[in-house]
Amino acid sequence: MIIAVSGLGGSGKDTLGRAIAKELGLRVVCPTFKTLAEDEGISLMEFQEKAKNDPEIDRKFDDALKRECSAGDCVVTTWLGPWMVEADLRVWVFASEAVRALRIAKRDNLSESDALMHIKKRDADNRERYLKLYGIDILGVERFDVALNSGNYSPEEMASIVAEAIGQKKKR
């Protein structure tokens, strides 16, 4: 079973993915641009700019994601996971900009206003880049089986909802 979780920056996709994996006994596949940026000794936004000018960065990243998921039995928590892998269930996790900015501010030690500017720019840059590279609109949620507001539910509550959705899907 492969479950793909996506959402905008600070939506809680990684936290939800870990909760789902724990509840269902699956491994987590969570490669990030943040890690690649750290490996290169540059900021996330600098790495995003680099990817904007070099489409091979995204292609290599997404090919590696597909290879890692090919063994199955995992929860994928990347922006494009639901488009890149054949998932049994696709989950969109969302929260208001205010909630997402607060999370990013705490996580990255930023002011809330800086975090809000960060998520707006990152969301817009990623949307533009993925539209140009793959024709994928990351705001198009029609391909998802479940959409959850992480501002209203805890990760554990959402993981239970996902487990219930899997059960319902298996009954069909």
Protein backbone atom coordinates (compact mmCIF):
# COMPACT_ATOMS: atom_id res chain seq x y z
CA MET A 1 0.00 0.00 0.00
CA ILE A 2 1.23 3.47 -0.90
CA ILE A 3 -0.35 6.57 0.63
CA ALA A 4 0.65 9.93 -0.84
CA VAL A 5 0.22 13.04 1.32
CA SER A 6 0.60 16.51 -0.16
CA GLY A 7 -0.03 20.09 0.89
CA LEU A 8 1.49 23.52 0.80
CA GLY A 9 4.36 24.66 3.01
CA GLY A 10 3.56 24.35 6.71
CA SER A 11 0.33 22.43 6.11
CA GLY A 12 1.49 19.49 8.20
CA LYS A 13 2.06 16.91 5.46
CA ASP A 14 5.22 15.47 7.05
CA THR A 15 3.67 15.36 10.53
CA LEU A 16 0.55 13.70 9.16
CA GLY A 17 2.63 11.27 7.11
CA ARG A 18 4.56 10.15 10.21
CA ALA A 19 1.28 9.71 12.14
CA ILE A 20 -0.22 7.62 9.31
CA ALA A 21 2.94 5.51 9.06
CA LYS A 22 2.88 4.88 12.80
CA GLU A 23 -0.80 3.94 12.82
CA LEU A 24 -0.51 1.61 9.82
CA GLY A 25 3.02 0.29 10.30
CA LEU A 26 4.38 1.75 7.07
CA ARG A 27 7.69 3.40 6.28
CA VAL A 28 7.90 7.12 5.52
CA VAL A 29 9.38 8.43 2.29
CA CYS A 30 10.08 12.11 2.79
CA PRO A 31 12.89 13.54 0.67
CA THR A 32 12.99 17.34 0.82
CA PHE A 33 14.52 20.25 -1.01
CA LYS A 34 15.43 21.56 2.43
CA THR A 35 17.80 18.63 2.93
CA LEU A 36 19.32 19.10 -0.51
CA ALA A 37 19.82 22.81 0.20
CA GLU A 38 21.54 22.02 3.50
CA ASP A 39 23.77 19.49 1.72
CA GLU A 40 24.85 22.28 -0.65
CA GLY A 41 25.26 24.80 2.17
CA ILE A 42 22.63 27.19 0.83
CA SER A 43 19.21 28.34 1.99
CA LEU A 44 16.02 26.60 0.89
CA MET A 45 14.96 29.64 -1.13
CA GLU A 46 18.36 29.78 -2.87
CA PHE A 47 17.99 26.09 -3.75
CA GLN A 48 14.46 26.71 -5.04
CA GLU A 49 15.82 29.49 -7.25
CA LYS A 50 18.50 27.11 -8.51
CA ALA A 51 15.82 24.51 -9.33
CA LYS A 52 13.80 27.17 -11.13
CA ASN A 53 16.73 27.65 -13.49
CA ASP A 54 17.69 23.96 -13.78
CA PRO A 55 14.75 21.61 -14.40
CA GLU A 56 17.03 18.58 -14.06
CA ILE A 57 17.07 19.14 -10.27
CA ASP A 58 13.34 18.42 -10.07
CA ARG A 59 13.50 15.56 -12.55
CA LYS A 60 16.30 13.82 -10.63
CA PHE A 61 14.51 14.44 -7.31
CA ASP A 62 11.25 13.00 -8.64
CA ASP A 63 12.94 10.01 -10.30
CA ALA A 64 14.65 9.19 -6.98
CA LEU A 65 11.26 9.49 -5.24
CA LYS A 66 9.70 7.03 -7.68
CA ARG A 67 12.55 4.54 -7.18
CA GLU A 68 12.27 4.79 -3.39
CA CYS A 69 8.52 4.19 -3.50
CA SER A 70 8.69 1.34 -6.00
CA ALA A 71 9.10 -1.17 -3.14
CA GLY A 72 5.61 -0.18 -1.93
CA ASP A 73 4.22 -0.11 1.61
CA CYS A 74 5.02 3.50 2.42
CA VAL A 75 3.65 6.94 3.12
CA VAL A 76 5.03 9.57 0.72
CA THR A 77 5.04 13.14 2.00
CA THR A 78 6.21 15.39 -0.81
CA TRP A 79 4.61 18.21 -2.75
CA LEU A 80 4.37 16.12 -5.93
CA GLY A 81 4.09 12.63 -4.45
CA PRO A 82 0.43 12.18 -5.45
CA TRP A 83 1.35 12.93 -9.06
CA MET A 84 4.65 11.04 -9.18
CA VAL A 85 3.76 7.67 -7.64
CA GLU A 86 0.92 5.22 -8.12
CA ALA A 87 -0.72 5.71 -4.74
CA ASP A 88 -3.57 3.67 -3.32
CA LEU A 89 -4.81 6.75 -1.45
CA ARG A 90 -4.02 10.42 -2.02
CA VAL A 91 -4.44 12.86 0.87
CA TRP A 92 -4.46 16.66 0.63
CA VAL A 93 -3.66 18.36 3.94
CA PHE A 94 -4.32 22.07 4.29
CA ALA A 95 -4.47 24.87 6.83
CA SER A 96 -4.99 28.62 6.70
CA GLU A 97 -2.05 30.84 5.81
CA ALA A 98 -2.03 32.14 9.39
CA VAL A 99 -1.72 28.62 10.84
CA ARG A 100 0.93 27.65 8.31
CA ALA A 101 2.93 30.83 8.94
CA LEU A 102 2.85 30.24 12.70
CA ARG A 103 4.16 26.69 12.21
CA ILE A 104 6.93 27.83 9.88
CA ALA A 105 7.85 30.68 12.25
CA LYS A 106 8.25 28.23 15.13
CA ARG A 107 10.02 25.59 13.08
CA ASP A 108 12.47 27.92 11.33
CA ASN A 109 12.83 30.55 14.06
CA LEU A 110 11.28 33.35 11.97
CA SER A 111 8.89 36.15 12.78
CA GLU A 112 5.31 35.36 11.78
CA SER A 113 5.37 38.10 9.13
CA ASP A 114 8.61 36.72 7.64
CA ALA A 115 7.17 33.22 7.72
CA LEU A 116 4.01 34.42 5.96
CA MET A 117 6.09 36.06 3.21
CA HIS A 118 8.16 32.87 2.97
CA ILE A 119 5.18 30.55 2.47
CA LYS A 120 3.52 32.87 -0.03
CA LYS A 121 6.69 33.04 -2.13
CA ARG A 122 7.47 29.35 -1.81
CA ASP A 123 3.91 28.29 -2.67
CA ALA A 124 3.84 30.60 -5.71
CA ASP A 125 7.33 29.57 -6.89
CA ASN A 126 6.58 25.86 -6.56
CA ARG A 127 3.24 26.19 -8.31
CA GLU A 128 4.83 28.07 -11.21
CA ARG A 129 7.76 25.65 -11.46
CA TYR A 130 5.61 22.50 -11.44
CA LEU A 131 3.16 23.96 -13.95
CA LYS A 132 6.03 24.79 -16.30
CA LEU A 133 7.93 21.53 -15.84
CA TYR A 134 5.13 18.96 -15.61
CA GLY A 135 1.86 20.77 -16.27
CA ILE A 136 0.87 20.00 -12.66
CA ASP A 137 -1.17 22.52 -10.70
CA ILE A 138 -0.47 21.78 -7.05
CA LEU A 139 -3.65 23.62 -6.11
CA GLY A 140 -5.77 21.21 -8.16
CA VAL A 141 -7.17 18.91 -5.50
CA GLU A 142 -9.54 16.91 -7.71
CA ARG A 143 -7.17 13.90 -7.81
CA PHE A 144 -7.24 13.48 -4.02
CA ASP A 145 -9.35 10.95 -2.15
CA VAL A 146 -9.30 12.82 1.16
CA ALA A 147 -8.77 16.47 2.15
CA LEU A 148 -8.07 17.32 5.79
CA ASN A 149 -7.76 20.65 7.59
CA SER A 150 -4.78 20.29 9.91
CA GLY A 151 -5.83 23.48 11.67
CA ASN A 152 -8.89 21.62 12.98
CA TYR A 153 -7.58 18.12 13.67
CA SER A 154 -4.56 16.64 15.41
CA PRO A 155 -2.18 14.45 13.37
CA GLU A 156 -3.48 11.39 15.22
CA GLU A 157 -7.11 12.28 14.46
CA MET A 158 -6.26 12.79 10.80
CA ALA A 159 -4.34 9.48 10.69
CA SER A 160 -7.46 7.74 12.01
CA ILE A 161 -9.57 9.40 9.33
CA VAL A 162 -7.09 8.22 6.68
CA ALA A 163 -7.17 4.67 8.09
CA GLU A 164 -10.98 4.76 7.89
CA ALA A 165 -10.80 6.02 4.28
CA ILE A 166 -8.48 3.14 3.40
CA GLY A 167 -10.95 0.70 4.94
CA GLN A 168 -13.82 2.23 2.98
CA LYS A 169 -11.83 2.16 -0.25
CA LYS A 170 -10.96 -1.54 0.25
CA LYS A 171 -14.68 -2.35 0.61
CA ARG A 172 -15.39 -1.08 -2.92
